[in-house]
Amino acid sequence: MVNRREFIKKSTLACSAAMLGTLLPDDYHIIDIHQHTDYAGRSHENLIRHQRTMGVSQTILLPAGTPSFGSSTHQGKSNGLQVNASGNDVCMKLAMDHPGEIYFGANEVPDIEDADKEIEKYLKKGAKVIGELKFGVRADSGDMFRIYRLAQEYDVPVLLHWQYQMYTYGYEDFYKILEKFPKVNFIGHAQSWWANIDKQHTDQSVLYPKGKVTAGGITDRLLSDYPNMYADMSAGSGLNALTRDEEHAKGFLKRHQDKLLYGSDCNDSEGKGQACSGIQTIDKIKELSDPAIVRKVFFENSKKLFKI
């Protein structure tokens, strides 16, 4: 027998699939690994509606750290992940209110006192990931190393926001961290991560490059060479990587099909149309890949990595 909660959930997902113009099999899922609570003022109700409209069955919420006013948050400019996202308690509470549908991560500003203890507090409560680490610090700093060691101890991935001269410095040397922490799974995200799929990308100040892509950029090599490197396909930067050169994108999806993770990271409330990068990314992945790859990117890779 199916209880009332499960019936409503399955009915909602079926309606969402119909809205997308796709009839999905019963065991089809989309896991969204990148969303935020109170994102640009969006209500929790609108967040849930957004996810269900897109056809997402499970969502991971990435919290912000404690508001602070040092260099790592650009004197407060980057508090709330620069989008007014709320913190650990809010994400955990929403996950507890929607068991099996919503999960939560753990986060803290890396260079404030007891940052590692704050993150560990939520790892003990079941956080699935550390991040989104979106701070003005070097990826190879001692504060970040303490966080990586926590990830290794609790066997959870770390999600990093890479943005030139703004967040997570030292991308060109990140391979050294992958080698230093081979048991930690890292997830790359954001502008500089996706710009560097292109071997010809030399001007790092260009965050949303256009035009043809030459395979073999830093990001491409990290995914190929390191088993502990994964990619979060969310936001405008991930969508741009799919649309700027679709022939390259087809090969990229095929080449890294076991390393790619669907995420939305969009702040609209509708879950459809041109304002929603999340649904555009879903549609583009389906357009450029065969069903087996789509299933890996939407569900199987994340289920395995996050132990959902």
C-alpha atoms as a PDB file:
ATOM      1  CA  MET A   1       0.000   0.000   0.000  1.00  0.00           C
ATOM      2  CA  VAL A   2       1.183   3.538  -0.777  1.00  0.00           C
ATOM      3  CA  ASN A   3       0.691   6.008   2.050  1.00  0.00           C
ATOM      4  CA  ARG A   4      -0.790   9.455   1.459  1.00  0.00           C
ATOM      5  CA  ARG A   5       2.595  11.261   1.497  1.00  0.00           C
ATOM      6  CA  GLU A   6       4.055   8.930  -1.136  1.00  0.00           C
ATOM      7  CA  PHE A   7       0.909   9.168  -3.272  1.00  0.00           C
ATOM      8  CA  ILE A   8       1.041  12.974  -3.283  1.00  0.00           C
ATOM      9  CA  LYS A   9       4.761  12.967  -4.021  1.00  0.00           C
ATOM     10  CA  LYS A  10       4.441  10.568  -6.964  1.00  0.00           C
ATOM     11  CA  SER A  11       1.426  12.436  -8.312  1.00  0.00           C
ATOM     12  CA  THR A  12       3.307  15.735  -8.164  1.00  0.00           C
ATOM     13  CA  LEU A  13       6.305  14.278  -9.989  1.00  0.00           C
ATOM     14  CA  ALA A  14       4.073  12.777 -12.655  1.00  0.00           C
ATOM     15  CA  CYS A  15       2.380  16.137 -13.214  1.00  0.00           C
ATOM     16  CA  SER A  16       5.776  17.824 -13.392  1.00  0.00           C
ATOM     17  CA  ALA A  17       6.939  15.329 -15.998  1.00  0.00           C
ATOM     18  CA  ALA A  18       3.844  16.001 -18.083  1.00  0.00           C
ATOM     19  CA  MET A  19       4.546  19.738 -17.883  1.00  0.00           C
ATOM     20  CA  LEU A  20       7.989  19.042 -19.286  1.00  0.00           C
ATOM     21  CA  GLY A  21       6.452  17.166 -22.179  1.00  0.00           C
ATOM     22  CA  THR A  22       8.074  13.906 -21.118  1.00  0.00           C
ATOM     23  CA  LEU A  23       6.500  10.715 -19.800  1.00  0.00           C
ATOM     24  CA  LEU A  24       9.020   9.380 -17.294  1.00  0.00           C
ATOM     25  CA  PRO A  25       9.241   5.762 -16.099  1.00  0.00           C
ATOM     26  CA  ASP A  26       8.424   5.037 -12.472  1.00  0.00           C
ATOM     27  CA  ASP A  27      12.079   4.712 -11.462  1.00  0.00           C
ATOM     28  CA  TYR A  28      13.226   7.914 -13.199  1.00  0.00           C
ATOM     29  CA  HIS A  29      14.647  10.614 -10.936  1.00  0.00           C
ATOM     30  CA  ILE A  30      16.309  13.993 -11.087  1.00  0.00           C
ATOM     31  CA  ILE A  31      18.529  14.866  -8.146  1.00  0.00           C
ATOM     32  CA  ASP A  32      19.343  18.575  -7.907  1.00  0.00           C
ATOM     33  CA  ILE A  33      22.584  18.942  -5.950  1.00  0.00           C
ATOM     34  CA  HIS A  34      22.611  22.746  -5.798  1.00  0.00           C
ATOM     35  CA  GLN A  35      19.850  24.878  -4.324  1.00  0.00           C
ATOM     36  CA  HIS A  36      19.597  27.502  -1.581  1.00  0.00           C
ATOM     37  CA  THR A  37      16.985  28.561   0.966  1.00  0.00           C
ATOM     38  CA  ASP A  38      15.824  32.203   0.911  1.00  0.00           C
ATOM     39  CA  TYR A  39      17.705  32.629  -2.369  1.00  0.00           C
ATOM     40  CA  ALA A  40      17.255  36.311  -3.327  1.00  0.00           C
ATOM     41  CA  GLY A  41      14.230  36.416  -1.013  1.00  0.00           C
ATOM     42  CA  ARG A  42      12.396  33.407  -2.485  1.00  0.00           C
ATOM     43  CA  SER A  43      10.039  31.730  -0.016  1.00  0.00           C
ATOM     44  CA  HIS A  44      10.389  28.099   0.987  1.00  0.00           C
ATOM     45  CA  GLU A  45       7.018  27.389  -0.602  1.00  0.00           C
ATOM     46  CA  ASN A  46       8.169  28.796  -3.922  1.00  0.00           C
ATOM     47  CA  LEU A  47      11.430  26.867  -3.711  1.00  0.00           C
ATOM     48  CA  ILE A  48       9.546  23.585  -3.280  1.00  0.00           C
ATOM     49  CA  ARG A  49       7.180  24.494  -6.123  1.00  0.00           C
ATOM     50  CA  HIS A  50      10.123  25.400  -8.359  1.00  0.00           C
ATOM     51  CA  GLN A  51      11.802  22.046  -7.762  1.00  0.00           C
ATOM     52  CA  ARG A  52       8.671  19.984  -8.294  1.00  0.00           C
ATOM     53  CA  THR A  53       7.742  21.891 -11.452  1.00  0.00           C
ATOM     54  CA  MET A  54      11.157  21.062 -12.917  1.00  0.00           C
ATOM     55  CA  GLY A  55      10.523  17.389 -12.177  1.00  0.00           C
ATOM     56  CA  VAL A  56      13.161  17.194  -9.437  1.00  0.00           C
ATOM     57  CA  SER A  57      12.564  14.349  -7.009  1.00  0.00           C
ATOM     58  CA  GLN A  58      15.359  15.102  -4.524  1.00  0.00           C
ATOM     59  CA  THR A  59      17.165  18.344  -3.713  1.00  0.00           C
ATOM     60  CA  ILE A  60      20.310  19.147  -1.750  1.00  0.00           C
ATOM     61  CA  LEU A  61      20.299  22.557  -0.028  1.00  0.00           C
ATOM     62  CA  LEU A  62      23.646  24.322   0.265  1.00  0.00           C
ATOM     63  CA  PRO A  63      23.766  26.719   3.230  1.00  0.00           C
ATOM     64  CA  ALA A  64      25.647  29.977   3.678  1.00  0.00           C
ATOM     65  CA  GLY A  65      28.116  30.536   6.493  1.00  0.00           C
ATOM     66  CA  THR A  66      27.832  32.811   9.517  1.00  0.00           C
ATOM     67  CA  PRO A  67      27.714  36.521   8.566  1.00  0.00           C
ATOM     68  CA  SER A  68      31.189  37.987   9.049  1.00  0.00           C
ATOM     69  CA  PHE A  69      33.117  41.005   7.832  1.00  0.00           C
ATOM     70  CA  GLY A  70      36.664  39.911   7.039  1.00  0.00           C
ATOM     71  CA  SER A  71      38.510  39.522   3.754  1.00  0.00           C
ATOM     72  CA  SER A  72      37.036  36.075   3.085  1.00  0.00           C
ATOM     73  CA  THR A  73      33.550  37.606   2.776  1.00  0.00           C
ATOM     74  CA  HIS A  74      34.841  40.796   1.138  1.00  0.00           C
ATOM     75  CA  GLN A  75      33.986  42.787   4.263  1.00  0.00           C
ATOM     76  CA  GLY A  76      30.487  41.326   4.333  1.00  0.00           C
ATOM     77  CA  LYS A  77      29.649  41.670   0.643  1.00  0.00           C
ATOM     78  CA  SER A  78      29.685  37.891   0.251  1.00  0.00           C
ATOM     79  CA  ASN A  79      27.605  37.067   3.315  1.00  0.00           C
ATOM     80  CA  GLY A  80      24.735  34.767   2.423  1.00  0.00           C
ATOM     81  CA  LEU A  81      26.811  33.517  -0.530  1.00  0.00           C
ATOM     82  CA  GLN A  82      26.146  36.979  -2.021  1.00  0.00           C
ATOM     83  CA  VAL A  83      22.536  35.967  -2.766  1.00  0.00           C
ATOM     84  CA  ASN A  84      20.961  36.270   0.718  1.00  0.00           C
ATOM     85  CA  ALA A  85      21.008  32.498   1.154  1.00  0.00           C
ATOM     86  CA  SER A  86      20.327  31.326   4.691  1.00  0.00           C
ATOM     87  CA  GLY A  87      22.464  29.080   6.844  1.00  0.00           C
ATOM     88  CA  ASN A  88      22.818  25.607   8.276  1.00  0.00           C
ATOM     89  CA  ASP A  89      19.851  25.600  10.647  1.00  0.00           C
ATOM     90  CA  VAL A  90      17.361  26.765   8.028  1.00  0.00           C
ATOM     91  CA  CYS A  91      18.501  24.191   5.477  1.00  0.00           C
ATOM     92  CA  MET A  92      18.430  21.363   7.991  1.00  0.00           C
ATOM     93  CA  LYS A  93      14.958  22.367   9.212  1.00  0.00           C
ATOM     94  CA  LEU A  94      13.500  22.365   5.688  1.00  0.00           C
ATOM     95  CA  ALA A  95      15.098  18.978   5.035  1.00  0.00           C
ATOM     96  CA  MET A  96      13.587  17.598   8.234  1.00  0.00           C
ATOM     97  CA  ASP A  97      10.177  18.883   7.116  1.00  0.00           C
ATOM     98  CA  HIS A  98      10.505  17.071   3.752  1.00  0.00           C
ATOM     99  CA  PRO A  99      12.210  13.739   4.482  1.00  0.00           C
ATOM    100  CA  GLY A 100      13.305  11.842   1.414  1.00  0.00           C
ATOM    101  CA  GLU A 101      12.780  14.877  -0.832  1.00  0.00           C
ATOM    102  CA  ILE A 102      15.110  17.495   0.670  1.00  0.00           C
ATOM    103  CA  TYR A 103      18.658  16.991   2.004  1.00  0.00           C
ATOM    104  CA  PHE A 104      21.114  19.512   3.417  1.00  0.00           C
ATOM    105  CA  GLY A 105      24.781  20.393   3.359  1.00  0.00           C
ATOM    106  CA  ALA A 106      27.061  21.986   5.948  1.00  0.00           C
ATOM    107  CA  ASN A 107      29.010  25.210   5.572  1.00  0.00           C
ATOM    108  CA  GLU A 108      30.953  27.901   7.392  1.00  0.00           C
ATOM    109  CA  VAL A 109      33.253  30.808   6.597  1.00  0.00           C
ATOM    110  CA  PRO A 110      36.602  28.963   6.564  1.00  0.00           C
ATOM    111  CA  ASP A 111      38.754  31.495   8.422  1.00  0.00           C
ATOM    112  CA  ILE A 112      36.517  32.334  11.365  1.00  0.00           C
ATOM    113  CA  GLU A 113      37.079  30.750  14.761  1.00  0.00           C
ATOM    114  CA  ASP A 114      35.819  27.166  15.107  1.00  0.00           C
ATOM    115  CA  ALA A 115      34.674  26.970  11.480  1.00  0.00           C
ATOM    116  CA  ASP A 116      35.540  23.284  11.374  1.00  0.00           C
ATOM    117  CA  LYS A 117      33.564  22.613  14.547  1.00  0.00           C
ATOM    118  CA  GLU A 118      30.480  24.318  13.103  1.00  0.00           C
ATOM    119  CA  ILE A 119      30.681  22.230   9.945  1.00  0.00           C
ATOM    120  CA  GLU A 120      31.247  19.051  11.927  1.00  0.00           C
ATOM    121  CA  LYS A 121      28.150  19.786  14.020  1.00  0.00           C
ATOM    122  CA  TYR A 122      25.970  19.434  10.917  1.00  0.00           C
ATOM    123  CA  LEU A 123      27.913  16.544   9.461  1.00  0.00           C
ATOM    124  CA  LYS A 124      27.031  14.668  12.619  1.00  0.00           C
ATOM    125  CA  LYS A 125      23.382  15.505  11.957  1.00  0.00           C
ATOM    126  CA  GLY A 126      23.475  14.032   8.474  1.00  0.00           C
ATOM    127  CA  ALA A 127      24.741  16.730   6.094  1.00  0.00           C
ATOM    128  CA  LYS A 128      25.482  15.206   2.679  1.00  0.00           C
ATOM    129  CA  VAL A 129      28.142  17.661   1.488  1.00  0.00           C
ATOM    130  CA  ILE A 130      30.366  20.509   2.630  1.00  0.00           C
ATOM    131  CA  GLY A 131      29.592  23.660   0.702  1.00  0.00           C
ATOM    132  CA  GLU A 132      28.987  25.667  -1.203  1.00  0.00           C
ATOM    133  CA  LEU A 133      32.461  26.976  -0.294  1.00  0.00           C
ATOM    134  CA  LYS A 134      32.190  30.430  -1.885  1.00  0.00           C
ATOM    135  CA  PHE A 135      34.696  32.592  -0.076  1.00  0.00           C
ATOM    136  CA  GLY A 136      37.668  34.805  -0.833  1.00  0.00           C
ATOM    137  CA  VAL A 137      40.326  32.353   0.339  1.00  0.00           C
ATOM    138  CA  ARG A 138      43.018  30.261  -1.295  1.00  0.00           C
ATOM    139  CA  ALA A 139      42.012  26.685  -1.960  1.00  0.00           C
ATOM    140  CA  ASP A 140      45.343  25.567  -0.469  1.00  0.00           C
ATOM    141  CA  SER A 141      45.110  27.566   2.771  1.00  0.00           C
ATOM    142  CA  GLY A 142      45.356  25.905   6.159  1.00  0.00           C
ATOM    143  CA  ASP A 143      41.743  26.819   6.917  1.00  0.00           C
ATOM    144  CA  MET A 144      40.569  24.993   3.818  1.00  0.00           C
ATOM    145  CA  PHE A 145      42.792  22.023   4.570  1.00  0.00           C
ATOM    146  CA  ARG A 146      40.979  21.611   7.902  1.00  0.00           C
ATOM    147  CA  ILE A 147      37.697  21.432   5.984  1.00  0.00           C
ATOM    148  CA  TYR A 148      39.072  18.868   3.529  1.00  0.00           C
ATOM    149  CA  ARG A 149      40.197  16.712   6.433  1.00  0.00           C
ATOM    150  CA  LEU A 150      36.671  16.831   7.843  1.00  0.00           C
ATOM    151  CA  ALA A 151      35.323  15.745   4.466  1.00  0.00           C
ATOM    152  CA  GLN A 152      37.734  12.832   4.483  1.00  0.00           C
ATOM    153  CA  GLU A 153      36.772  11.828   8.021  1.00  0.00           C
ATOM    154  CA  TYR A 154      33.019  11.940   7.334  1.00  0.00           C
ATOM    155  CA  ASP A 155      33.274  10.696   3.737  1.00  0.00           C
ATOM    156  CA  VAL A 156      31.318  13.565   2.170  1.00  0.00           C
ATOM    157  CA  PRO A 157      32.176  15.574  -0.958  1.00  0.00           C
ATOM    158  CA  VAL A 158      33.276  19.222  -0.998  1.00  0.00           C
ATOM    159  CA  LEU A 159      31.645  21.668  -3.423  1.00  0.00           C
ATOM    160  CA  LEU A 160      33.804  24.643  -4.462  1.00  0.00           C
ATOM    161  CA  HIS A 161      32.756  27.835  -6.235  1.00  0.00           C
ATOM    162  CA  TRP A 162      35.575  28.975  -8.552  1.00  0.00           C
ATOM    163  CA  GLN A 163      35.445  32.606  -9.662  1.00  0.00           C
ATOM    164  CA  TYR A 164      38.554  34.488 -10.760  1.00  0.00           C
ATOM    165  CA  GLN A 165      39.822  37.045  -8.216  1.00  0.00           C
ATOM    166  CA  MET A 166      36.611  36.685  -6.194  1.00  0.00           C
ATOM    167  CA  TYR A 167      36.101  33.199  -4.779  1.00  0.00           C
ATOM    168  CA  THR A 168      38.438  30.258  -4.131  1.00  0.00           C
ATOM    169  CA  TYR A 169      41.839  31.370  -5.373  1.00  0.00           C
ATOM    170  CA  GLY A 170      44.501  29.169  -6.949  1.00  0.00           C
ATOM    171  CA  TYR A 171      42.592  27.190  -9.536  1.00  0.00           C
ATOM    172  CA  GLU A 172      45.679  26.551 -11.650  1.00  0.00           C
ATOM    173  CA  ASP A 173      47.252  24.640  -8.750  1.00  0.00           C
ATOM    174  CA  PHE A 174      44.168  22.736  -7.626  1.00  0.00           C
ATOM    175  CA  TYR A 175      45.527  19.470  -8.990  1.00  0.00           C
ATOM    176  CA  LYS A 176      47.970  19.479  -6.065  1.00  0.00           C
ATOM    177  CA  ILE A 177      45.047  19.378  -3.629  1.00  0.00           C
ATOM    178  CA  LEU A 178      43.424  16.528  -5.540  1.00  0.00           C
ATOM    179  CA  GLU A 179      46.681  14.630  -5.146  1.00  0.00           C
ATOM    180  CA  LYS A 180      47.096  15.571  -1.481  1.00  0.00           C
ATOM    181  CA  PHE A 181      43.544  14.445  -0.611  1.00  0.00           C
ATOM    182  CA  PRO A 182      42.878  11.482  -2.925  1.00  0.00           C
ATOM    183  CA  LYS A 183      40.126  10.130  -0.660  1.00  0.00           C
ATOM    184  CA  VAL A 184      38.124  13.375  -0.785  1.00  0.00           C
ATOM    185  CA  ASN A 185      35.688  13.872  -3.655  1.00  0.00           C
ATOM    186  CA  PHE A 186      35.684  17.465  -4.888  1.00  0.00           C
ATOM    187  CA  ILE A 187      32.958  19.090  -6.987  1.00  0.00           C
ATOM    188  CA  GLY A 188      33.808  22.040  -9.219  1.00  0.00           C
ATOM    189  CA  HIS A 189      31.277  24.803  -9.888  1.00  0.00           C
ATOM    190  CA  ALA A 190      30.845  28.339 -11.223  1.00  0.00           C
ATOM    191  CA  GLN A 191      32.345  30.694 -13.755  1.00  0.00           C
ATOM    192  CA  SER A 192      36.055  29.921 -13.741  1.00  0.00           C
ATOM    193  CA  TRP A 193      35.425  26.191 -13.493  1.00  0.00           C
ATOM    194  CA  TRP A 194      33.279  26.149 -16.633  1.00  0.00           C
ATOM    195  CA  ALA A 195      35.250  28.755 -18.567  1.00  0.00           C
ATOM    196  CA  ASN A 196      38.280  26.488 -18.314  1.00  0.00           C
ATOM    197  CA  ILE A 197      36.793  23.589 -20.240  1.00  0.00           C
ATOM    198  CA  ASP A 198      38.455  25.377 -23.166  1.00  0.00           C
ATOM    199  CA  LYS A 199      42.162  24.834 -23.775  1.00  0.00           C
ATOM    200  CA  GLN A 200      42.313  28.244 -25.435  1.00  0.00           C
ATOM    201  CA  HIS A 201      40.833  30.107 -22.458  1.00  0.00           C
ATOM    202  CA  THR A 202      43.677  32.416 -21.427  1.00  0.00           C
ATOM    203  CA  ASP A 203      41.954  35.586 -20.193  1.00  0.00           C
ATOM    204  CA  GLN A 204      40.668  34.488 -16.795  1.00  0.00           C
ATOM    205  CA  SER A 205      38.769  37.753 -16.341  1.00  0.00           C
ATOM    206  CA  VAL A 206      36.280  36.540 -18.973  1.00  0.00           C
ATOM    207  CA  LEU A 207      33.777  34.576 -16.907  1.00  0.00           C
ATOM    208  CA  TYR A 208      31.198  33.645 -19.556  1.00  0.00           C
ATOM    209  CA  PRO A 209      33.202  33.031 -22.747  1.00  0.00           C
ATOM    210  CA  LYS A 210      31.390  32.417 -26.010  1.00  0.00           C
ATOM    211  CA  GLY A 211      32.266  30.560 -29.179  1.00  0.00           C
ATOM    212  CA  LYS A 212      33.947  27.302 -30.072  1.00  0.00           C
ATOM    213  CA  VAL A 213      35.683  25.217 -27.413  1.00  0.00           C
ATOM    214  CA  THR A 214      38.986  23.409 -27.824  1.00  0.00           C
ATOM    215  CA  ALA A 215      38.961  20.316 -25.610  1.00  0.00           C
ATOM    216  CA  GLY A 216      41.750  19.911 -23.082  1.00  0.00           C
ATOM    217  CA  GLY A 217      41.298  22.899 -20.787  1.00  0.00           C
ATOM    218  CA  ILE A 218      42.200  22.723 -17.085  1.00  0.00           C
ATOM    219  CA  THR A 219      38.710  21.580 -16.121  1.00  0.00           C
ATOM    220  CA  ASP A 220      38.628  18.946 -18.838  1.00  0.00           C
ATOM    221  CA  ARG A 221      41.969  17.559 -17.671  1.00  0.00           C
ATOM    222  CA  LEU A 222      41.049  17.525 -13.990  1.00  0.00           C
ATOM    223  CA  LEU A 223      37.938  15.486 -14.734  1.00  0.00           C
ATOM    224  CA  SER A 224      39.919  13.102 -16.925  1.00  0.00           C
ATOM    225  CA  ASP A 225      42.973  12.686 -14.743  1.00  0.00           C
ATOM    226  CA  TYR A 226      41.617  12.603 -11.178  1.00  0.00           C
ATOM    227  CA  PRO A 227      39.020  10.085 -10.002  1.00  0.00           C
ATOM    228  CA  ASN A 228      38.081  12.373  -7.082  1.00  0.00           C
ATOM    229  CA  MET A 229      37.044  15.324  -9.284  1.00  0.00           C
ATOM    230  CA  TYR A 230      33.393  15.910 -10.235  1.00  0.00           C
ATOM    231  CA  ALA A 231      31.457  18.741 -11.896  1.00  0.00           C
ATOM    232  CA  ASP A 232      28.298  20.587 -10.839  1.00  0.00           C
ATOM    233  CA  MET A 233      26.435  21.652 -13.997  1.00  0.00           C
ATOM    234  CA  SER A 234      24.347  24.339 -12.331  1.00  0.00           C
ATOM    235  CA  ALA A 235      23.800  28.050 -12.893  1.00  0.00           C
ATOM    236  CA  GLY A 236      24.329  30.207 -15.951  1.00  0.00           C
ATOM    237  CA  SER A 237      27.966  29.159 -16.138  1.00  0.00           C
ATOM    238  CA  GLY A 238      27.087  25.485 -16.491  1.00  0.00           C
ATOM    239  CA  LEU A 239      24.376  26.252 -19.024  1.00  0.00           C
ATOM    240  CA  ASN A 240      26.798  28.438 -20.996  1.00  0.00           C
ATOM    241  CA  ALA A 241      29.239  25.521 -21.188  1.00  0.00           C
ATOM    242  CA  LEU A 242      26.514  23.430 -22.839  1.00  0.00           C
ATOM    243  CA  THR A 243      25.232  26.042 -25.278  1.00  0.00           C
ATOM    244  CA  ARG A 244      28.344  27.918 -26.470  1.00  0.00           C
ATOM    245  CA  ASP A 245      29.539  24.974 -28.591  1.00  0.00           C
ATOM    246  CA  GLU A 246      27.038  22.146 -28.708  1.00  0.00           C
ATOM    247  CA  GLU A 247      29.263  19.774 -30.661  1.00  0.00           C
ATOM    248  CA  HIS A 248      31.926  20.078 -27.971  1.00  0.00           C
ATOM    249  CA  ALA A 249      29.247  19.710 -25.289  1.00  0.00           C
ATOM    250  CA  LYS A 250      28.112  16.380 -26.747  1.00  0.00           C
ATOM    251  CA  GLY A 251      31.644  15.022 -26.510  1.00  0.00           C
ATOM    252  CA  PHE A 252      32.177  16.507 -23.065  1.00  0.00           C
ATOM    253  CA  LEU A 253      29.004  14.886 -21.734  1.00  0.00           C
ATOM    254  CA  LYS A 254      29.994  11.538 -23.198  1.00  0.00           C
ATOM    255  CA  ARG A 255      33.615  11.780 -22.050  1.00  0.00           C
ATOM    256  CA  HIS A 256      32.776  12.719 -18.457  1.00  0.00           C
ATOM    257  CA  GLN A 257      29.413  11.000 -18.080  1.00  0.00           C
ATOM    258  CA  ASP A 258      30.437   9.387 -14.788  1.00  0.00           C
ATOM    259  CA  LYS A 259      31.627  12.688 -13.275  1.00  0.00           C
ATOM    260  CA  LEU A 260      28.810  15.117 -14.096  1.00  0.00           C
ATOM    261  CA  LEU A 261      26.088  16.076 -11.604  1.00  0.00           C
ATOM    262  CA  TYR A 262      22.899  17.977 -12.338  1.00  0.00           C
ATOM    263  CA  GLY A 263      22.290  21.129 -10.304  1.00  0.00           C
ATOM    264  CA  SER A 264      20.033  24.140 -10.864  1.00  0.00           C
ATOM    265  CA  ASP A 265      21.241  26.996  -8.592  1.00  0.00           C
ATOM    266  CA  CYS A 266      18.554  29.294  -9.979  1.00  0.00           C
ATOM    267  CA  ASN A 267      16.495  31.693  -7.892  1.00  0.00           C
ATOM    268  CA  ASP A 268      13.241  31.956  -9.824  1.00  0.00           C
ATOM    269  CA  SER A 269       9.988  30.599  -8.446  1.00  0.00           C
ATOM    270  CA  GLU A 270       8.397  29.079 -11.529  1.00  0.00           C
ATOM    271  CA  GLY A 271      10.706  26.234 -12.585  1.00  0.00           C
ATOM    272  CA  LYS A 272       9.963  26.851 -16.251  1.00  0.00           C
ATOM    273  CA  GLY A 273      10.587  29.329 -19.034  1.00  0.00           C
ATOM    274  CA  GLN A 274      13.525  31.541 -19.908  1.00  0.00           C
ATOM    275  CA  ALA A 275      13.956  32.839 -16.349  1.00  0.00           C
ATOM    276  CA  CYS A 276      14.820  29.349 -15.101  1.00  0.00           C
ATOM    277  CA  SER A 277      18.328  28.198 -15.973  1.00  0.00           C
ATOM    278  CA  GLY A 278      17.602  24.942 -14.150  1.00  0.00           C
ATOM    279  CA  ILE A 279      14.949  23.743 -16.599  1.00  0.00           C
ATOM    280  CA  GLN A 280      16.987  25.010 -19.546  1.00  0.00           C
ATOM    281  CA  THR A 281      19.921  22.888 -18.362  1.00  0.00           C
ATOM    282  CA  ILE A 282      17.654  19.852 -17.975  1.00  0.00           C
ATOM    283  CA  ASP A 283      16.331  20.293 -21.501  1.00  0.00           C
ATOM    284  CA  LYS A 284      19.788  20.859 -23.005  1.00  0.00           C
ATOM    285  CA  ILE A 285      21.303  17.773 -21.371  1.00  0.00           C
ATOM    286  CA  LYS A 286      18.408  15.680 -22.698  1.00  0.00           C
ATOM    287  CA  GLU A 287      18.870  17.202 -26.150  1.00  0.00           C
ATOM    288  CA  LEU A 288      22.631  16.576 -26.322  1.00  0.00           C
ATOM    289  CA  SER A 289      22.904  13.122 -24.691  1.00  0.00           C
ATOM    290  CA  ASP A 290      21.530   9.634 -25.070  1.00  0.00           C
ATOM    291  CA  PRO A 291      19.192   8.311 -22.335  1.00  0.00           C
ATOM    292  CA  ALA A 292      21.904   6.320 -20.545  1.00  0.00           C
ATOM    293  CA  ILE A 293      24.070   9.426 -20.087  1.00  0.00           C
ATOM    294  CA  VAL A 294      21.075  11.533 -19.108  1.00  0.00           C
ATOM    295  CA  ARG A 295      20.228   9.041 -16.386  1.00  0.00           C
ATOM    296  CA  LYS A 296      23.764   9.178 -14.995  1.00  0.00           C
ATOM    297  CA  VAL A 297      23.887  12.969 -14.937  1.00  0.00           C
ATOM    298  CA  PHE A 298      20.388  13.440 -13.541  1.00  0.00           C
ATOM    299  CA  PHE A 299      20.404  10.680 -10.968  1.00  0.00           C
ATOM    300  CA  GLU A 300      22.852   7.811 -10.815  1.00  0.00           C
ATOM    301  CA  ASN A 301      26.091   9.762 -10.254  1.00  0.00           C
ATOM    302  CA  SER A 302      24.584  11.888  -7.481  1.00  0.00           C
ATOM    303  CA  LYS A 303      22.846   8.953  -5.800  1.00  0.00           C
ATOM    304  CA  LYS A 304      26.201   7.196  -5.517  1.00  0.00           C
ATOM    305  CA  LEU A 305      28.306  10.223  -4.562  1.00  0.00           C
ATOM    306  CA  PHE A 306      25.932  11.600  -1.920  1.00  0.00           C
ATOM    307  CA  LYS A 307      24.685   8.194  -0.719  1.00  0.00           C
ATOM    308  CA  ILE A 308      21.039   9.106  -1.233  1.00  0.00           C
END
